[in-house]
Amino acid sequence: MPAEREDFPIARVAALARLQLSPSEEALYQAQLAQILALVDRVAAAFGSPALDSASDCDPVLERPDAIVPSLPASAALANAPDATGTPRLVRVPKVLG
């Protein structure tokens, strides 16, 4: 069984979600969370990635440069539209709100 992690406040999250948990439920969820986090650590170790405690631990990497590409032609975009009519190519859809 993995070591218990006390850094995740199960009771606080339950209170924010307006859930009433018994002490036994809190202990159960804390144990389950510890198992999940231990598995995540094992998966991260298997792939050679370090475990991150928060999203701010990593630098955003943009691998793709911005490039201007031609957009989809209107005829292709509206090819499967149910009722495409008019000069500004518009799509008529059924009314869903009364």
Protein backbone atom coordinates (compact mmCIF):
# COMPACT_ATOMS: atom_id res chain seq x y z
CA MET A 1 0.00 0.00 0.00
CA PRO A 2 1.43 3.40 -0.92
CA ALA A 3 2.24 5.95 1.72
CA GLU A 4 -0.62 8.22 2.67
CA ARG A 5 -0.48 11.69 1.18
CA GLU A 6 -1.86 14.25 3.53
CA ASP A 7 -1.22 17.20 1.22
CA PHE A 8 -4.57 16.84 -0.58
CA PRO A 9 -7.39 18.20 1.60
CA ILE A 10 -10.21 15.71 1.03
CA ALA A 11 -12.39 17.37 3.69
CA ARG A 12 -11.89 20.82 2.15
CA VAL A 13 -12.79 19.62 -1.36
CA ALA A 14 -15.85 17.82 0.00
CA ALA A 15 -16.94 21.01 1.77
CA LEU A 16 -16.50 23.05 -1.42
CA ALA A 17 -18.59 20.47 -3.29
CA ARG A 18 -21.15 20.62 -0.48
CA LEU A 19 -20.72 16.94 0.30
CA GLN A 20 -20.99 15.59 3.78
CA LEU A 21 -18.46 12.82 4.30
CA SER A 22 -18.15 10.68 7.37
CA PRO A 23 -14.67 10.25 8.86
CA SER A 24 -14.56 6.72 7.44
CA GLU A 25 -15.41 8.02 3.95
CA GLU A 26 -12.71 10.68 4.23
CA ALA A 27 -10.17 8.01 5.20
CA LEU A 28 -11.33 5.76 2.34
CA TYR A 29 -11.06 8.54 -0.25
CA GLN A 30 -7.68 9.63 1.11
CA ALA A 31 -6.39 6.05 0.77
CA GLN A 32 -7.83 5.72 -2.74
CA LEU A 33 -6.27 9.03 -3.77
CA ALA A 34 -2.91 7.89 -2.41
CA GLN A 35 -3.15 4.74 -4.55
CA ILE A 36 -4.06 6.76 -7.65
CA LEU A 37 -1.19 9.20 -7.11
CA ALA A 38 1.23 6.30 -6.56
CA LEU A 39 0.13 4.78 -9.89
CA VAL A 40 0.56 8.13 -11.61
CA ASP A 41 4.08 8.35 -10.19
CA ARG A 42 4.83 4.83 -11.50
CA VAL A 43 3.55 5.70 -14.99
CA ALA A 44 5.55 8.93 -15.02
CA ALA A 45 8.67 7.04 -13.94
CA ALA A 46 8.12 4.42 -16.65
CA PHE A 47 8.03 7.10 -19.33
CA GLY A 48 10.91 9.04 -17.82
CA SER A 49 8.92 12.16 -17.02
CA PRO A 50 9.28 13.81 -13.66
CA ALA A 51 6.18 14.07 -11.55
CA LEU A 52 4.83 17.63 -11.38
CA ASP A 53 3.25 19.01 -8.27
CA SER A 54 1.52 21.76 -10.22
CA ALA A 55 1.14 23.08 -13.74
CA SER A 56 3.52 25.93 -12.91
CA ASP A 57 6.40 23.43 -12.60
CA CYS A 58 6.71 23.13 -16.37
CA ASP A 59 7.57 25.64 -19.06
CA PRO A 60 5.10 25.92 -21.92
CA VAL A 61 6.70 24.71 -25.12
CA LEU A 62 5.32 25.78 -28.45
CA GLU A 63 6.68 23.38 -31.02
CA ARG A 64 4.65 24.52 -34.00
CA PRO A 65 5.34 27.91 -35.59
CA ASP A 66 2.39 30.08 -36.50
CA ALA A 67 1.77 29.93 -40.22
CA ILE A 68 -0.93 31.39 -42.39
CA VAL A 69 -2.71 28.66 -44.31
CA PRO A 70 -5.71 28.87 -46.62
CA SER A 71 -9.03 28.32 -44.91
CA LEU A 72 -11.64 25.75 -45.85
CA PRO A 73 -13.75 26.88 -48.81
CA ALA A 74 -17.35 27.77 -47.92
CA SER A 75 -18.72 25.11 -50.29
CA ALA A 76 -16.76 22.39 -48.49
CA ALA A 77 -17.70 23.70 -45.05
CA LEU A 78 -21.40 23.78 -45.93
CA ALA A 79 -21.46 20.54 -47.95
CA ASN A 80 -23.23 18.59 -45.18
CA ALA A 81 -25.34 21.46 -43.84
CA PRO A 82 -29.08 20.63 -43.69
CA ASP A 83 -30.32 23.80 -45.46
CA ALA A 84 -27.60 26.09 -46.83
CA THR A 85 -29.16 28.97 -48.73
CA GLY A 86 -28.60 32.57 -49.73
CA THR A 87 -25.76 34.64 -51.08
CA PRO A 88 -24.00 35.00 -47.77
CA ARG A 89 -23.98 31.22 -47.33
CA LEU A 90 -26.09 30.73 -44.20
CA VAL A 91 -27.36 27.53 -42.60
CA ARG A 92 -30.98 27.26 -41.51
CA VAL A 93 -31.52 25.01 -38.49
CA PRO A 94 -34.71 23.92 -36.73
CA LYS A 95 -35.97 26.14 -33.91
CA VAL A 96 -35.23 24.51 -30.57
CA LEU A 97 -36.48 27.16 -28.13
CA GLY A 98 -40.05 28.36 -28.09
